[in-house]
């Protein structure tokens, strides 16, 4: 269950960054020297770790690769 919550949280964080970039584009659209920015996403690799408390997955989800 916590793994799916972690994956959902990474999606929300990536969406938040994309909305920030879109907001900046709209705010600066009528300024001199305006340069639009794009958001590029990347899938995070999945890795399974086993330790003292059991198995855990890390690195699942999505992230912002570049703006």
N, C-alpha and C. Protein backbone atom coordinates (compact mmCIF):
# COMPACT_ATOMS: atom_id res chain seq x y z
N UNK A 1 0.82 -1.19 0.00
CA UNK A 1 0.00 0.00 0.00
C UNK A 1 0.86 1.25 0.00
N UNK A 2 1.90 1.27 0.81
CA UNK A 2 2.73 2.46 0.87
C UNK A 2 3.46 2.70 -0.45
N UNK A 3 3.73 1.64 -1.19
CA UNK A 3 4.39 1.80 -2.48
C UNK A 3 3.50 2.57 -3.45
N UNK A 4 2.23 2.24 -3.48
CA UNK A 4 1.32 2.95 -4.40
C UNK A 4 1.13 4.40 -3.97
N UNK A 5 1.14 4.67 -2.68
CA UNK A 5 1.06 6.06 -2.20
C UNK A 5 2.31 6.84 -2.60
N UNK A 6 3.47 6.20 -2.54
CA UNK A 6 4.72 6.85 -2.93
C UNK A 6 4.70 7.17 -4.42
N UNK A 7 4.22 6.25 -5.23
CA UNK A 7 4.14 6.47 -6.68
C UNK A 7 3.18 7.62 -6.98
N UNK A 8 2.04 7.65 -6.31
CA UNK A 8 1.09 8.74 -6.50
C UNK A 8 1.66 10.09 -6.09
N UNK A 9 2.43 10.10 -5.02
CA UNK A 9 3.04 11.35 -4.55
C UNK A 9 4.05 11.88 -5.55
N UNK A 10 4.81 11.01 -6.19
CA UNK A 10 5.77 11.48 -7.20
C UNK A 10 5.04 12.08 -8.39
N UNK A 11 3.89 11.51 -8.75
CA UNK A 11 3.09 12.08 -9.84
C UNK A 11 2.55 13.45 -9.50
N UNK A 12 2.10 13.62 -8.26
CA UNK A 12 1.60 14.92 -7.84
C UNK A 12 2.71 15.96 -7.80
N UNK A 13 3.89 15.58 -7.35
CA UNK A 13 5.02 16.52 -7.32
C UNK A 13 5.43 16.93 -8.73
N UNK A 14 5.42 15.98 -9.67
CA UNK A 14 5.77 16.30 -11.06
C UNK A 14 4.70 17.21 -11.68
N UNK A 15 3.43 16.95 -11.38
CA UNK A 15 2.36 17.81 -11.90
C UNK A 15 2.45 19.21 -11.33
N UNK A 16 2.84 19.31 -10.05
CA UNK A 16 3.01 20.63 -9.43
C UNK A 16 4.09 21.43 -10.15
N UNK A 17 5.19 20.79 -10.49
CA UNK A 17 6.28 21.48 -11.20
C UNK A 17 5.82 21.91 -12.59
N UNK A 18 5.05 21.05 -13.27
CA UNK A 18 4.56 21.41 -14.60
C UNK A 18 3.61 22.59 -14.52
N UNK A 19 2.74 22.63 -13.53
CA UNK A 19 1.82 23.77 -13.37
C UNK A 19 2.59 25.05 -13.07
N UNK A 20 3.68 24.95 -12.33
CA UNK A 20 4.53 26.10 -12.04
C UNK A 20 5.14 26.66 -13.32
N UNK A 21 5.62 25.77 -14.18
CA UNK A 21 6.22 26.19 -15.45
C UNK A 21 5.16 26.83 -16.35
N UNK A 22 3.97 26.25 -16.40
CA UNK A 22 2.88 26.82 -17.21
C UNK A 22 2.49 28.20 -16.69
N UNK A 23 2.41 28.33 -15.36
CA UNK A 23 2.10 29.63 -14.77
C UNK A 23 3.13 30.69 -15.10
N UNK A 24 4.39 30.32 -15.07
CA UNK A 24 5.45 31.26 -15.44
C UNK A 24 5.36 31.64 -16.91
N UNK A 25 5.04 30.69 -17.76
CA UNK A 25 4.88 30.99 -19.18
C UNK A 25 3.75 31.98 -19.41
N UNK A 26 2.62 31.78 -18.73
CA UNK A 26 1.48 32.68 -18.89
C UNK A 26 1.78 34.07 -18.33
N UNK A 27 2.48 34.13 -17.20
CA UNK A 27 2.77 35.42 -16.57
C UNK A 27 3.74 36.25 -17.41
N UNK A 28 4.61 35.59 -18.14
CA UNK A 28 5.65 36.31 -18.89
C UNK A 28 5.38 36.35 -20.39
N UNK A 29 4.19 35.98 -20.82
CA UNK A 29 3.90 35.87 -22.26
C UNK A 29 4.01 37.21 -22.99
N UNK A 30 3.66 38.30 -22.34
CA UNK A 30 3.67 39.60 -23.01
C UNK A 30 4.90 40.44 -22.69
N UNK A 31 5.93 39.84 -22.15
CA UNK A 31 7.13 40.59 -21.83
C UNK A 31 8.13 40.53 -22.98
N UNK A 32 9.02 41.50 -23.01
CA UNK A 32 10.05 41.54 -24.05
C UNK A 32 11.06 40.42 -23.77
N UNK A 33 11.42 39.69 -24.79
CA UNK A 33 12.40 38.62 -24.64
C UNK A 33 11.83 37.37 -24.01
N UNK A 34 10.53 37.14 -24.15
CA UNK A 34 9.87 35.99 -23.56
C UNK A 34 10.41 34.69 -24.15
N UNK A 35 10.76 33.76 -23.28
CA UNK A 35 11.20 32.43 -23.71
C UNK A 35 10.33 31.41 -22.99
N UNK A 36 9.59 30.62 -23.76
CA UNK A 36 8.72 29.61 -23.17
C UNK A 36 9.56 28.45 -22.65
N UNK A 37 9.12 27.85 -21.57
CA UNK A 37 9.79 26.69 -21.00
C UNK A 37 8.90 25.47 -21.16
N UNK A 38 9.51 24.32 -21.30
CA UNK A 38 8.81 23.05 -21.38
C UNK A 38 9.24 22.17 -20.22
N UNK A 39 8.37 21.28 -19.81
CA UNK A 39 8.68 20.34 -18.75
C UNK A 39 8.84 18.96 -19.35
N UNK A 40 9.93 18.29 -19.04
CA UNK A 40 10.18 16.94 -19.53
C UNK A 40 10.18 15.98 -18.35
N UNK A 41 9.42 14.89 -18.50
CA UNK A 41 9.29 13.92 -17.44
C UNK A 41 10.10 12.68 -17.75
N UNK A 42 10.48 11.95 -16.70
CA UNK A 42 11.21 10.69 -16.86
C UNK A 42 10.69 9.69 -15.83
N UNK A 43 10.63 8.46 -16.25
CA UNK A 43 10.25 7.40 -15.33
C UNK A 43 11.41 7.07 -14.41
N UNK A 44 11.10 6.87 -13.16
CA UNK A 44 12.14 6.47 -12.22
C UNK A 44 12.28 4.96 -12.28
N UNK A 45 13.49 4.50 -12.15
CA UNK A 45 13.73 3.07 -12.18
C UNK A 45 13.28 2.43 -10.88
N UNK A 46 12.84 1.20 -10.98
CA UNK A 46 12.39 0.47 -9.80
C UNK A 46 13.49 -0.44 -9.30
N UNK A 47 13.68 -0.43 -8.00
CA UNK A 47 14.68 -1.29 -7.39
C UNK A 47 14.08 -1.87 -6.13
N UNK A 48 14.25 -3.14 -5.94
CA UNK A 48 13.71 -3.80 -4.76
C UNK A 48 14.83 -4.03 -3.77
N UNK A 49 14.61 -3.62 -2.53
CA UNK A 49 15.59 -3.81 -1.47
C UNK A 49 15.02 -4.73 -0.41
N UNK A 50 15.83 -5.60 0.10
CA UNK A 50 15.39 -6.41 1.23
C UNK A 50 16.29 -6.08 2.41
N UNK A 51 15.68 -5.92 3.55
CA UNK A 51 16.45 -5.54 4.73
C UNK A 51 15.84 -6.13 5.98
N UNK A 52 16.13 -5.50 7.09
CA UNK A 52 15.68 -6.00 8.37
C UNK A 52 14.18 -6.06 8.52
N UNK A 53 13.45 -5.08 7.99
CA UNK A 53 12.00 -5.02 8.15
C UNK A 53 11.24 -5.70 7.04
N UNK A 54 11.91 -6.29 6.08
CA UNK A 54 11.25 -6.92 4.94
C UNK A 54 11.66 -6.24 3.65
N UNK A 55 10.96 -6.56 2.58
CA UNK A 55 11.28 -6.02 1.27
C UNK A 55 10.65 -4.64 1.09
N UNK A 56 11.34 -3.77 0.40
CA UNK A 56 10.83 -2.43 0.11
C UNK A 56 11.20 -2.06 -1.32
N UNK A 57 10.33 -1.34 -1.98
CA UNK A 57 10.61 -0.87 -3.33
C UNK A 57 10.96 0.61 -3.28
N UNK A 58 11.99 0.99 -3.98
CA UNK A 58 12.38 2.39 -4.07
C UNK A 58 12.52 2.78 -5.53
N UNK A 59 12.33 4.04 -5.80
CA UNK A 59 12.58 4.55 -7.13
C UNK A 59 11.46 4.36 -8.12
N UNK A 60 10.26 4.09 -7.66
CA UNK A 60 9.15 3.95 -8.59
C UNK A 60 8.44 5.28 -8.73
N UNK A 61 7.89 5.52 -9.89
CA UNK A 61 7.13 6.74 -10.10
C UNK A 61 7.66 7.55 -11.25
N UNK A 62 7.42 8.84 -11.18
CA UNK A 62 7.82 9.77 -12.24
C UNK A 62 8.55 10.95 -11.61
N UNK A 63 9.41 11.54 -12.38
CA UNK A 63 10.13 12.72 -11.92
C UNK A 63 10.31 13.71 -13.06
N UNK A 64 10.66 14.92 -12.74
CA UNK A 64 10.91 15.94 -13.76
C UNK A 64 12.37 15.81 -14.17
N UNK A 65 12.58 15.52 -15.46
CA UNK A 65 13.94 15.33 -15.97
C UNK A 65 14.59 16.68 -16.26
N UNK A 66 13.84 17.60 -16.84
CA UNK A 66 14.42 18.90 -17.20
C UNK A 66 13.30 19.90 -17.42
N UNK A 67 13.64 21.18 -17.26
CA UNK A 67 12.73 22.28 -17.58
C UNK A 67 13.41 23.13 -18.61
